[in-house]
Amino acid sequence: MSAQYAWSERFPASPPLTEGSDHPVVSPLGDLYPPATEAEVRELEERLGVELPPSYRQFLLFANG
């Protein structure tokens, strides 16, 4: 089960389409990078020597930046 965080409500699973177009509406927050992999997040934690907070881990797995 995935935890729900305040930031996750700001980013829909798939961007809505502009009416009458097949192009997504541009988010006011700009485009996000593709998600990080679980391996990339673990590698970051190992490199930093810390365990990332669960909400930040979930954000990186949603959009890596």
N, C-alpha and C. Protein backbone atom coordinates (compact mmCIF):
# COMPACT_ATOMS: atom_id res chain seq x y z
N MET A 1 0.85 -1.18 0.00
CA MET A 1 0.00 0.00 0.00
C MET A 1 0.89 1.24 0.00
N SER A 2 0.57 2.19 -0.79
CA SER A 2 1.36 3.41 -0.93
C SER A 2 0.77 4.52 -0.05
N ALA A 3 1.65 5.20 0.65
CA ALA A 3 1.20 6.32 1.49
C ALA A 3 0.79 7.49 0.60
N GLN A 4 -0.15 8.27 1.05
CA GLN A 4 -0.60 9.46 0.32
C GLN A 4 0.06 10.68 0.94
N TYR A 5 0.71 11.50 0.15
CA TYR A 5 1.38 12.70 0.63
C TYR A 5 0.76 13.91 -0.06
N ALA A 6 0.88 15.06 0.57
CA ALA A 6 0.29 16.28 0.03
C ALA A 6 0.76 16.57 -1.39
N TRP A 7 2.05 16.34 -1.67
CA TRP A 7 2.57 16.64 -3.00
C TRP A 7 1.95 15.73 -4.06
N SER A 8 1.57 14.50 -3.70
CA SER A 8 1.07 13.57 -4.71
C SER A 8 -0.28 14.00 -5.28
N GLU A 9 -1.02 14.83 -4.54
CA GLU A 9 -2.30 15.33 -5.06
C GLU A 9 -2.09 16.43 -6.10
N ARG A 10 -0.92 17.05 -6.12
CA ARG A 10 -0.65 18.14 -7.07
C ARG A 10 -0.32 17.61 -8.47
N PHE A 11 0.08 16.34 -8.56
CA PHE A 11 0.52 15.77 -9.82
C PHE A 11 -0.38 14.60 -10.19
N PRO A 12 -1.24 14.76 -11.20
CA PRO A 12 -2.11 13.65 -11.59
C PRO A 12 -1.29 12.50 -12.18
N ALA A 13 -1.84 11.29 -12.12
CA ALA A 13 -1.17 10.12 -12.66
C ALA A 13 -0.86 10.30 -14.15
N SER A 14 -1.77 10.89 -14.87
CA SER A 14 -1.52 11.24 -16.27
C SER A 14 -2.08 12.63 -16.49
N PRO A 15 -1.33 13.47 -17.20
CA PRO A 15 -1.79 14.85 -17.37
C PRO A 15 -3.09 14.91 -18.16
N PRO A 16 -3.98 15.84 -17.80
CA PRO A 16 -5.22 15.98 -18.57
C PRO A 16 -4.93 16.53 -19.96
N LEU A 17 -5.81 16.24 -20.89
CA LEU A 17 -5.64 16.74 -22.25
C LEU A 17 -6.35 18.08 -22.41
N THR A 18 -5.77 18.93 -23.23
CA THR A 18 -6.41 20.19 -23.58
C THR A 18 -7.66 19.86 -24.38
N GLU A 19 -8.75 20.54 -24.10
CA GLU A 19 -10.00 20.27 -24.80
C GLU A 19 -9.82 20.39 -26.30
N GLY A 20 -10.23 19.34 -27.04
CA GLY A 20 -10.12 19.35 -28.50
C GLY A 20 -8.71 19.09 -29.01
N SER A 21 -7.83 18.61 -28.16
CA SER A 21 -6.44 18.38 -28.56
C SER A 21 -5.95 17.07 -27.96
N ASP A 22 -4.92 16.50 -28.59
CA ASP A 22 -4.31 15.31 -28.01
C ASP A 22 -3.03 15.66 -27.25
N HIS A 23 -2.83 16.96 -26.99
CA HIS A 23 -1.67 17.42 -26.24
C HIS A 23 -2.04 17.65 -24.78
N PRO A 24 -1.18 17.19 -23.84
CA PRO A 24 -1.47 17.41 -22.42
C PRO A 24 -1.43 18.88 -22.05
N VAL A 25 -2.22 19.24 -21.04
CA VAL A 25 -2.18 20.58 -20.47
C VAL A 25 -0.83 20.72 -19.77
N VAL A 26 -0.17 21.85 -19.94
CA VAL A 26 1.11 22.07 -19.29
C VAL A 26 0.86 22.41 -17.83
N SER A 27 1.55 21.71 -16.94
CA SER A 27 1.40 21.94 -15.51
C SER A 27 1.97 23.30 -15.15
N PRO A 28 1.35 24.03 -14.25
CA PRO A 28 1.92 25.31 -13.81
C PRO A 28 3.24 25.12 -13.08
N LEU A 29 3.49 23.89 -12.64
CA LEU A 29 4.75 23.60 -11.96
C LEU A 29 5.82 23.14 -12.93
N GLY A 30 5.50 23.07 -14.21
CA GLY A 30 6.47 22.64 -15.21
C GLY A 30 6.51 21.13 -15.34
N ASP A 31 7.32 20.67 -16.27
CA ASP A 31 7.44 19.24 -16.49
C ASP A 31 8.35 18.63 -15.43
N LEU A 32 8.04 17.40 -15.06
CA LEU A 32 8.85 16.67 -14.10
C LEU A 32 9.68 15.63 -14.83
N TYR A 33 10.81 15.28 -14.24
CA TYR A 33 11.64 14.23 -14.81
C TYR A 33 11.00 12.87 -14.57
N PRO A 34 11.36 11.88 -15.38
CA PRO A 34 10.82 10.54 -15.16
C PRO A 34 11.19 10.02 -13.76
N PRO A 35 10.45 9.04 -13.26
CA PRO A 35 10.72 8.52 -11.92
C PRO A 35 12.11 7.89 -11.80
N ALA A 36 12.66 7.96 -10.61
CA ALA A 36 13.89 7.23 -10.30
C ALA A 36 13.49 5.77 -10.07
N THR A 37 14.43 4.87 -10.25
CA THR A 37 14.17 3.47 -9.92
C THR A 37 14.46 3.25 -8.45
N GLU A 38 13.93 2.16 -7.91
CA GLU A 38 14.21 1.81 -6.52
C GLU A 38 15.72 1.65 -6.32
N ALA A 39 16.40 1.07 -7.29
CA ALA A 39 17.85 0.89 -7.20
C ALA A 39 18.57 2.24 -7.13
N GLU A 40 18.11 3.22 -7.91
CA GLU A 40 18.73 4.55 -7.89
C GLU A 40 18.53 5.23 -6.54
N VAL A 41 17.35 5.07 -5.95
CA VAL A 41 17.09 5.67 -4.65
C VAL A 41 17.96 5.00 -3.58
N ARG A 42 18.06 3.67 -3.62
CA ARG A 42 18.93 2.97 -2.65
C ARG A 42 20.39 3.40 -2.81
N GLU A 43 20.83 3.55 -4.06
CA GLU A 43 22.20 3.99 -4.33
C GLU A 43 22.44 5.39 -3.75
N LEU A 44 21.48 6.28 -3.90
CA LEU A 44 21.59 7.63 -3.33
C LEU A 44 21.70 7.55 -1.81
N GLU A 45 20.84 6.74 -1.19
CA GLU A 45 20.89 6.60 0.27
C GLU A 45 22.24 6.06 0.73
N GLU A 46 22.77 5.07 0.00
CA GLU A 46 24.08 4.52 0.36
C GLU A 46 25.18 5.57 0.20
N ARG A 47 25.12 6.32 -0.89
CA ARG A 47 26.14 7.35 -1.13
C ARG A 47 26.09 8.44 -0.06
N LEU A 48 24.88 8.83 0.35
CA LEU A 48 24.72 9.85 1.38
C LEU A 48 24.92 9.31 2.79
N GLY A 49 24.77 8.00 2.94
CA GLY A 49 24.91 7.39 4.26
C GLY A 49 23.72 7.66 5.17
N VAL A 50 22.56 7.90 4.58
CA VAL A 50 21.34 8.15 5.35
C VAL A 50 20.16 7.44 4.67
N GLU A 51 19.11 7.23 5.45
CA GLU A 51 17.86 6.73 4.89
C GLU A 51 16.97 7.94 4.62
N LEU A 52 16.51 8.07 3.40
CA LEU A 52 15.67 9.22 3.05
C LEU A 52 14.31 9.11 3.72
N PRO A 53 13.69 10.24 4.04
CA PRO A 53 12.33 10.21 4.58
C PRO A 53 11.38 9.52 3.59
N PRO A 54 10.41 8.76 4.09
CA PRO A 54 9.49 8.04 3.21
C PRO A 54 8.80 8.92 2.17
N SER A 55 8.38 10.12 2.54
CA SER A 55 7.69 10.98 1.58
C SER A 55 8.63 11.41 0.45
N TYR A 56 9.91 11.66 0.76
CA TYR A 56 10.85 12.06 -0.28
C TYR A 56 11.19 10.88 -1.18
N ARG A 57 11.31 9.69 -0.59
CA ARG A 57 11.55 8.48 -1.40
C ARG A 57 10.41 8.32 -2.40
N GLN A 58 9.15 8.46 -1.91
CA GLN A 58 7.99 8.31 -2.78
C GLN A 58 8.00 9.35 -3.88
N PHE A 59 8.41 10.58 -3.56
CA PHE A 59 8.48 11.62 -4.58
C PHE A 59 9.50 11.26 -5.65
N LEU A 60 10.68 10.78 -5.24
CA LEU A 60 11.70 10.41 -6.23
C LEU A 60 11.23 9.26 -7.10
N LEU A 61 10.45 8.34 -6.53
CA LEU A 61 9.93 7.23 -7.31
C LEU A 61 8.78 7.68 -8.22
N PHE A 62 8.21 8.85 -7.95
CA PHE A 62 7.17 9.44 -8.78
C PHE A 62 7.77 10.32 -9.88
N ALA A 63 8.74 11.16 -9.49
CA ALA A 63 9.41 12.07 -10.43
C ALA A 63 10.78 12.40 -9.85
N ASN A 64 11.80 12.09 -10.60
CA ASN A 64 13.17 12.27 -10.13
C ASN A 64 13.63 13.70 -10.40
N GLY A 65 13.00 14.65 -9.75
CA GLY A 65 13.41 16.04 -9.89
C GLY A 65 12.34 16.92 -10.46
